[in-house]
Amino acid sequence: DHPFAGDIDTTLHGVPESYRTTVPASLH
């Protein structure tokens, strides 16, 4: 679960509700 699940803005770039609990990551 994301520590900031309630603060994720799902209006940006198609961010889905699932990102609150199933968090994608990348490595730059």
PDB file of all heavy atoms in Angstrom:
ATOM      1  N   ASP A   1       0.831  -1.201   0.000  1.00  0.00           N
ATOM      2  CA  ASP A   1       0.000   0.000   0.000  1.00  0.00           C
ATOM      3  C   ASP A   1       0.869   1.255   0.000  1.00  0.00           C
ATOM      4  O   ASP A   1       1.930   1.306   0.637  1.00  0.00           O
ATOM      5  CB  ASP A   1      -0.899   0.023   1.239  1.00  0.00           C
ATOM      6  CG  ASP A   1      -1.971  -1.045   1.190  1.00  0.00           C
ATOM      7  OD1 ASP A   1      -2.132  -1.691   0.131  1.00  0.00           O
ATOM      8  OD2 ASP A   1      -2.648  -1.251   2.212  1.00  0.00           O
ATOM      9  N   HIS A   2       0.387   2.272  -0.678  1.00  0.00           N
ATOM     10  CA  HIS A   2       1.136   3.525  -0.742  1.00  0.00           C
ATOM     11  C   HIS A   2       0.946   4.310   0.555  1.00  0.00           C
ATOM     12  O   HIS A   2      -0.183   4.457   1.041  1.00  0.00           O
ATOM     13  CB  HIS A   2       0.671   4.372  -1.921  1.00  0.00           C
ATOM     14  CG  HIS A   2       1.728   5.309  -2.415  1.00  0.00           C
ATOM     15  ND1 HIS A   2       2.264   6.320  -1.636  1.00  0.00           N
ATOM     16  CD2 HIS A   2       2.377   5.372  -3.611  1.00  0.00           C
ATOM     17  CE1 HIS A   2       3.180   6.949  -2.325  1.00  0.00           C
ATOM     18  NE2 HIS A   2       3.278   6.405  -3.523  1.00  0.00           N
ATOM     19  N   PRO A   3       2.030   4.833   1.165  1.00  0.00           N
ATOM     20  CA  PRO A   3       1.875   5.672   2.364  1.00  0.00           C
ATOM     21  C   PRO A   3       1.008   6.889   2.128  1.00  0.00           C
ATOM     22  O   PRO A   3       0.435   7.437   3.072  1.00  0.00           O
ATOM     23  CB  PRO A   3       3.312   6.075   2.704  1.00  0.00           C
ATOM     24  CG  PRO A   3       4.169   5.032   2.077  1.00  0.00           C
ATOM     25  CD  PRO A   3       3.449   4.621   0.829  1.00  0.00           C
ATOM     26  N   PHE A   4       0.883   7.330   0.873  1.00  0.00           N
ATOM     27  CA  PHE A   4       0.087   8.512   0.548  1.00  0.00           C
ATOM     28  C   PHE A   4      -1.090   8.150  -0.341  1.00  0.00           C
ATOM     29  O   PHE A   4      -1.443   8.896  -1.265  1.00  0.00           O
ATOM     30  CB  PHE A   4       0.973   9.574  -0.131  1.00  0.00           C
ATOM     31  CG  PHE A   4       2.226   9.889   0.637  1.00  0.00           C
ATOM     32  CD1 PHE A   4       3.470   9.677   0.081  1.00  0.00           C
ATOM     33  CD2 PHE A   4       2.158  10.374   1.933  1.00  0.00           C
ATOM     34  CE1 PHE A   4       4.626   9.963   0.789  1.00  0.00           C
ATOM     35  CE2 PHE A   4       3.301  10.661   2.647  1.00  0.00           C
ATOM     36  CZ  PHE A   4       4.549  10.455   2.075  1.00  0.00           C
ATOM     37  N   ALA A   5      -1.710   7.022  -0.057  1.00  0.00           N
ATOM     38  CA  ALA A   5      -2.795   6.526  -0.912  1.00  0.00           C
ATOM     39  C   ALA A   5      -3.894   7.559  -1.089  1.00  0.00           C
ATOM     40  O   ALA A   5      -4.430   7.744  -2.188  1.00  0.00           O
ATOM     41  CB  ALA A   5      -3.366   5.238  -0.320  1.00  0.00           C
ATOM     42  N   GLY A   6      -4.246   8.276  -0.018  1.00  0.00           N
ATOM     43  CA  GLY A   6      -5.333   9.242  -0.120  1.00  0.00           C
ATOM     44  C   GLY A   6      -4.962  10.528  -0.815  1.00  0.00           C
ATOM     45  O   GLY A   6      -5.837  11.341  -1.134  1.00  0.00           O
ATOM     46  N   ASP A   7      -3.670  10.742  -1.070  1.00  0.00           N
ATOM     47  CA  ASP A   7      -3.215  11.997  -1.681  1.00  0.00           C
ATOM     48  C   ASP A   7      -2.918  11.875  -3.165  1.00  0.00           C
ATOM     49  O   ASP A   7      -2.533  12.856  -3.806  1.00  0.00           O
ATOM     50  CB  ASP A   7      -1.945  12.479  -0.966  1.00  0.00           C
ATOM     51  CG  ASP A   7      -2.192  12.772   0.501  1.00  0.00           C
ATOM     52  OD1 ASP A   7      -3.246  13.345   0.809  1.00  0.00           O
ATOM     53  OD2 ASP A   7      -1.342  12.408   1.332  1.00  0.00           O
ATOM     54  N   ILE A   8      -3.061  10.679  -3.728  1.00  0.00           N
ATOM     55  CA  ILE A   8      -2.777  10.491  -5.140  1.00  0.00           C
ATOM     56  C   ILE A   8      -3.906  11.084  -5.977  1.00  0.00           C
ATOM     57  O   ILE A   8      -5.081  10.828  -5.734  1.00  0.00           O
ATOM     58  CB  ILE A   8      -2.581   8.996  -5.447  1.00  0.00           C
ATOM     59  CG1 ILE A   8      -1.273   8.503  -4.814  1.00  0.00           C
ATOM     60  CG2 ILE A   8      -2.594   8.730  -6.940  1.00  0.00           C
ATOM     61  CD1 ILE A   8      -1.067   7.017  -4.925  1.00  0.00           C
ATOM     62  N   ASP A   9      -3.540  11.914  -6.947  1.00  0.00           N
ATOM     63  CA  ASP A   9      -4.507  12.584  -7.811  1.00  0.00           C
ATOM     64  C   ASP A   9      -4.740  11.716  -9.040  1.00  0.00           C
ATOM     65  O   ASP A   9      -3.866  11.601  -9.908  1.00  0.00           O
ATOM     66  CB  ASP A   9      -3.979  13.967  -8.210  1.00  0.00           C
ATOM     67  CG  ASP A   9      -5.022  14.809  -8.936  1.00  0.00           C
ATOM     68  OD1 ASP A   9      -5.944  14.227  -9.543  1.00  0.00           O
ATOM     69  OD2 ASP A   9      -4.904  16.054  -8.904  1.00  0.00           O
ATOM     70  N   THR A  10      -5.917  11.105  -9.122  1.00  0.00           N
ATOM     71  CA  THR A  10      -6.214  10.184 -10.212  1.00  0.00           C
ATOM     72  C   THR A  10      -6.697  10.902 -11.470  1.00  0.00           C
ATOM     73  O   THR A  10      -7.090  10.249 -12.438  1.00  0.00           O
ATOM     74  CB  THR A  10      -7.266   9.149  -9.773  1.00  0.00           C
ATOM     75  OG1 THR A  10      -8.432   9.831  -9.318  1.00  0.00           O
ATOM     76  CG2 THR A  10      -6.725   8.269  -8.665  1.00  0.00           C
ATOM     77  N   THR A  11      -6.652  12.242 -11.464  1.00  0.00           N
ATOM     78  CA  THR A  11      -6.980  12.978 -12.687  1.00  0.00           C
ATOM     79  C   THR A  11      -5.746  13.224 -13.544  1.00  0.00           C
ATOM     80  O   THR A  11      -5.869  13.758 -14.653  1.00  0.00           O
ATOM     81  CB  THR A  11      -7.632  14.330 -12.357  1.00  0.00           C
ATOM     82  OG1 THR A  11      -6.655  15.215 -11.763  1.00  0.00           O
ATOM     83  CG2 THR A  11      -8.815  14.159 -11.411  1.00  0.00           C
ATOM     84  N   LEU A  12      -4.567  12.859 -13.068  1.00  0.00           N
ATOM     85  CA  LEU A  12      -3.328  13.139 -13.796  1.00  0.00           C
ATOM     86  C   LEU A  12      -2.889  11.928 -14.611  1.00  0.00           C
ATOM     87  O   LEU A  12      -2.692  10.834 -14.059  1.00  0.00           O
ATOM     88  CB  LEU A  12      -2.195  13.501 -12.822  1.00  0.00           C
ATOM     89  CG  LEU A  12      -2.417  14.687 -11.892  1.00  0.00           C
ATOM     90  CD1 LEU A  12      -1.155  14.945 -11.073  1.00  0.00           C
ATOM     91  CD2 LEU A  12      -2.801  15.932 -12.665  1.00  0.00           C
ATOM     92  N   HIS A  13      -2.761  12.081 -15.922  1.00  0.00           N
ATOM     93  CA  HIS A  13      -2.111  11.099 -16.791  1.00  0.00           C
ATOM     94  C   HIS A  13      -2.693   9.697 -16.667  1.00  0.00           C
ATOM     95  O   HIS A  13      -1.959   8.703 -16.734  1.00  0.00           O
ATOM     96  CB  HIS A  13      -0.609  11.061 -16.508  1.00  0.00           C
ATOM     97  CG  HIS A  13       0.079  12.365 -16.777  1.00  0.00           C
ATOM     98  ND1 HIS A  13       0.222  12.881 -18.044  1.00  0.00           N
ATOM     99  CD2 HIS A  13       0.629  13.266 -15.932  1.00  0.00           C
ATOM    100  CE1 HIS A  13       0.854  14.039 -17.977  1.00  0.00           C
ATOM    101  NE2 HIS A  13       1.103  14.295 -16.704  1.00  0.00           N
ATOM    102  N   GLY A  14      -3.981   9.594 -16.438  1.00  0.00           N
ATOM    103  CA  GLY A  14      -4.589   8.276 -16.384  1.00  0.00           C
ATOM    104  C   GLY A  14      -4.217   7.463 -15.172  1.00  0.00           C
ATOM    105  O   GLY A  14      -4.317   6.230 -15.185  1.00  0.00           O
ATOM    106  N   VAL A  15      -3.791   8.111 -14.091  1.00  0.00           N
ATOM    107  CA  VAL A  15      -3.453   7.386 -12.863  1.00  0.00           C
ATOM    108  C   VAL A  15      -4.710   6.700 -12.339  1.00  0.00           C
ATOM    109  O   VAL A  15      -5.698   7.361 -12.025  1.00  0.00           O
ATOM    110  CB  VAL A  15      -2.873   8.350 -11.804  1.00  0.00           C
ATOM    111  CG1 VAL A  15      -2.750   7.659 -10.448  1.00  0.00           C
ATOM    112  CG2 VAL A  15      -1.521   8.887 -12.261  1.00  0.00           C
ATOM    113  N   PRO A  16      -4.718   5.384 -12.213  1.00  0.00           N
ATOM    114  CA  PRO A  16      -5.933   4.691 -11.777  1.00  0.00           C
ATOM    115  C   PRO A  16      -6.015   4.598 -10.252  1.00  0.00           C
ATOM    116  O   PRO A  16      -5.032   4.784  -9.530  1.00  0.00           O
ATOM    117  CB  PRO A  16      -5.770   3.295 -12.385  1.00  0.00           C
ATOM    118  CG  PRO A  16      -4.298   3.083 -12.422  1.00  0.00           C
ATOM    119  CD  PRO A  16      -3.684   4.445 -12.670  1.00  0.00           C
ATOM    120  N   GLU A  17      -7.183   4.289  -9.750  1.00  0.00           N
ATOM    121  CA  GLU A  17      -7.385   4.093  -8.319  1.00  0.00           C
ATOM    122  C   GLU A  17      -6.476   2.995  -7.771  1.00  0.00           C
ATOM    123  O   GLU A  17      -6.063   3.032  -6.607  1.00  0.00           O
ATOM    124  CB  GLU A  17      -8.850   3.733  -8.045  1.00  0.00           C
ATOM    125  CG  GLU A  17      -9.839   4.857  -8.276  1.00  0.00           C
ATOM    126  CD  GLU A  17      -9.788   5.909  -7.170  1.00  0.00           C
ATOM    127  OE1 GLU A  17      -9.318   5.585  -6.056  1.00  0.00           O
ATOM    128  OE2 GLU A  17     -10.200   7.047  -7.429  1.00  0.00           O
ATOM    129  N   SER A  18      -6.142   2.025  -8.596  1.00  0.00           N
ATOM    130  CA  SER A  18      -5.346   0.887  -8.131  1.00  0.00           C
ATOM    131  C   SER A  18      -3.954   1.293  -7.664  1.00  0.00           C
ATOM    132  O   SER A  18      -3.312   0.554  -6.911  1.00  0.00           O
ATOM    133  CB  SER A  18      -5.224  -0.159  -9.244  1.00  0.00           C
ATOM    134  OG  SER A  18      -4.542   0.375 -10.364  1.00  0.00           O
ATOM    135  N   TYR A  19      -3.468   2.478  -8.109  1.00  0.00           N
ATOM    136  CA  TYR A  19      -2.131   2.908  -7.689  1.00  0.00           C
ATOM    137  C   TYR A  19      -2.062   3.150  -6.175  1.00  0.00           C
ATOM    138  O   TYR A  19      -0.966   3.202  -5.615  1.00  0.00           O
ATOM    139  CB  TYR A  19      -1.744   4.194  -8.405  1.00  0.00           C
ATOM    140  CG  TYR A  19      -1.212   4.026  -9.809  1.00  0.00           C
ATOM    141  CD1 TYR A  19      -1.439   2.855 -10.522  1.00  0.00           C
ATOM    142  CD2 TYR A  19      -0.505   5.042 -10.438  1.00  0.00           C
ATOM    143  CE1 TYR A  19      -0.974   2.710 -11.821  1.00  0.00           C
ATOM    144  CE2 TYR A  19      -0.027   4.904 -11.731  1.00  0.00           C
ATOM    145  CZ  TYR A  19      -0.267   3.740 -12.425  1.00  0.00           C
ATOM    146  OH  TYR A  19       0.200   3.595 -13.708  1.00  0.00           O
ATOM    147  N   ARG A  20      -3.191   3.293  -5.533  1.00  0.00           N
ATOM    148  CA  ARG A  20      -3.176   3.507  -4.084  1.00  0.00           C
ATOM    149  C   ARG A  20      -2.721   2.249  -3.333  1.00  0.00           C
ATOM    150  O   ARG A  20      -2.104   2.344  -2.259  1.00  0.00           O
ATOM    151  CB  ARG A  20      -4.563   3.918  -3.592  1.00  0.00           C
ATOM    152  CG  ARG A  20      -5.148   5.139  -4.297  1.00  0.00           C
ATOM    153  CD  ARG A  20      -6.476   5.543  -3.673  1.00  0.00           C
ATOM    154  NE  ARG A  20      -7.230   6.451  -4.514  1.00  0.00           N
ATOM    155  CZ  ARG A  20      -7.040   7.767  -4.583  1.00  0.00           C
ATOM    156  NH1 ARG A  20      -6.090   8.317  -3.841  1.00  0.00           N
ATOM    157  NH2 ARG A  20      -7.786   8.522  -5.372  1.00  0.00           N
ATOM    158  N   THR A  21      -2.990   1.083  -3.894  1.00  0.00           N
ATOM    159  CA  THR A  21      -2.662  -0.171  -3.216  1.00  0.00           C
ATOM    160  C   THR A  21      -1.736  -1.065  -4.029  1.00  0.00           C
ATOM    161  O   THR A  21      -1.070  -1.933  -3.475  1.00  0.00           O
ATOM    162  CB  THR A  21      -3.947  -0.955  -2.901  1.00  0.00           C
ATOM    163  OG1 THR A  21      -4.718  -1.112  -4.096  1.00  0.00           O
ATOM    164  CG2 THR A  21      -4.786  -0.209  -1.863  1.00  0.00           C
ATOM    165  N   THR A  22      -1.721  -0.879  -5.336  1.00  0.00           N
ATOM    166  CA  THR A  22      -0.824  -1.631  -6.222  1.00  0.00           C
ATOM    167  C   THR A  22       0.065  -0.610  -6.915  1.00  0.00           C
ATOM    168  O   THR A  22      -0.286  -0.069  -7.967  1.00  0.00           O
ATOM    169  CB  THR A  22      -1.627  -2.447  -7.253  1.00  0.00           C
ATOM    170  OG1 THR A  22      -2.572  -3.266  -6.566  1.00  0.00           O
ATOM    171  CG2 THR A  22      -0.698  -3.326  -8.082  1.00  0.00           C
ATOM    172  N   VAL A  23       1.192  -0.313  -6.309  1.00  0.00           N
ATOM    173  CA  VAL A  23       1.983   0.874  -6.660  1.00  0.00           C
ATOM    174  C   VAL A  23       3.032   0.519  -7.712  1.00  0.00           C
ATOM    175  O   VAL A  23       3.938  -0.288  -7.447  1.00  0.00           O
ATOM    176  CB  VAL A  23       2.682   1.449  -5.420  1.00  0.00           C
ATOM    177  CG1 VAL A  23       3.417   2.737  -5.775  1.00  0.00           C
ATOM    178  CG2 VAL A  23       1.672   1.688  -4.299  1.00  0.00           C
ATOM    179  N   PRO A  24       2.965   1.097  -8.908  1.00  0.00           N
ATOM    180  CA  PRO A  24       4.028   0.865  -9.884  1.00  0.00           C
ATOM    181  C   PRO A  24       5.271   1.650  -9.499  1.00  0.00           C
ATOM    182  O   PRO A  24       5.217   2.620  -8.747  1.00  0.00           O
ATOM    183  CB  PRO A  24       3.413   1.398 -11.185  1.00  0.00           C
ATOM    184  CG  PRO A  24       2.489   2.477 -10.732  1.00  0.00           C
ATOM    185  CD  PRO A  24       1.935   2.022  -9.407  1.00  0.00           C
ATOM    186  N   ALA A  25       6.395   1.208 -10.019  1.00  0.00           N
ATOM    187  CA  ALA A  25       7.665   1.887  -9.755  1.00  0.00           C
ATOM    188  C   ALA A  25       8.503   1.865 -11.027  1.00  0.00           C
ATOM    189  O   ALA A  25       8.247   1.090 -11.949  1.00  0.00           O
ATOM    190  CB  ALA A  25       8.413   1.220  -8.605  1.00  0.00           C
ATOM    191  N   SER A  26       9.483   2.740 -11.053  1.00  0.00           N
ATOM    192  CA  SER A  26      10.468   2.731 -12.131  1.00  0.00           C
ATOM    193  C   SER A  26      11.822   3.032 -11.500  1.00  0.00           C
ATOM    194  O   SER A  26      11.901   3.458 -10.347  1.00  0.00           O
ATOM    195  CB  SER A  26      10.130   3.762 -13.209  1.00  0.00           C
ATOM    196  OG  SER A  26      10.265   5.079 -12.699  1.00  0.00           O
ATOM    197  N   LEU A  27      12.875   2.827 -12.261  1.00  0.00           N
ATOM    198  CA  LEU A  27      14.220   3.095 -11.759  1.00  0.00           C
ATOM    199  C   LEU A  27      14.938   3.977 -12.764  1.00  0.00           C
ATOM    200  O   LEU A  27      15.277   3.537 -13.864  1.00  0.00           O
ATOM    201  CB  LEU A  27      14.994   1.791 -11.547  1.00  0.00           C
ATOM    202  CG  LEU A  27      16.439   1.966 -11.070  1.00  0.00           C
ATOM    203  CD1 LEU A  27      16.482   2.565  -9.669  1.00  0.00           C
ATOM    204  CD2 LEU A  27      17.180   0.624 -11.104  1.00  0.00           C
ATOM    205  N   HIS A  28      15.150   5.234 -12.380  1.00  0.00           N
ATOM    206  CA  HIS A  28      15.897   6.168 -13.227  1.00  0.00           C
ATOM    207  C   HIS A  28      17.240   6.453 -12.576  1.00  0.00           C
ATOM    208  O   HIS A  28      17.294   6.870 -11.419  1.00  0.00           O
ATOM    209  CB  HIS A  28      15.115   7.474 -13.396  1.00  0.00           C
ATOM    210  CG  HIS A  28      15.914   8.566 -14.053  1.00  0.00           C
ATOM    211  ND1 HIS A  28      16.565   8.399 -15.261  1.00  0.00           N
ATOM    212  CD2 HIS A  28      16.181   9.855 -13.655  1.00  0.00           C
ATOM    213  CE1 HIS A  28      17.178   9.533 -15.590  1.00  0.00           C
ATOM    214  NE2 HIS A  28      16.982  10.410 -14.623  1.00  0.00           N
TER     215      HIS A  28
END
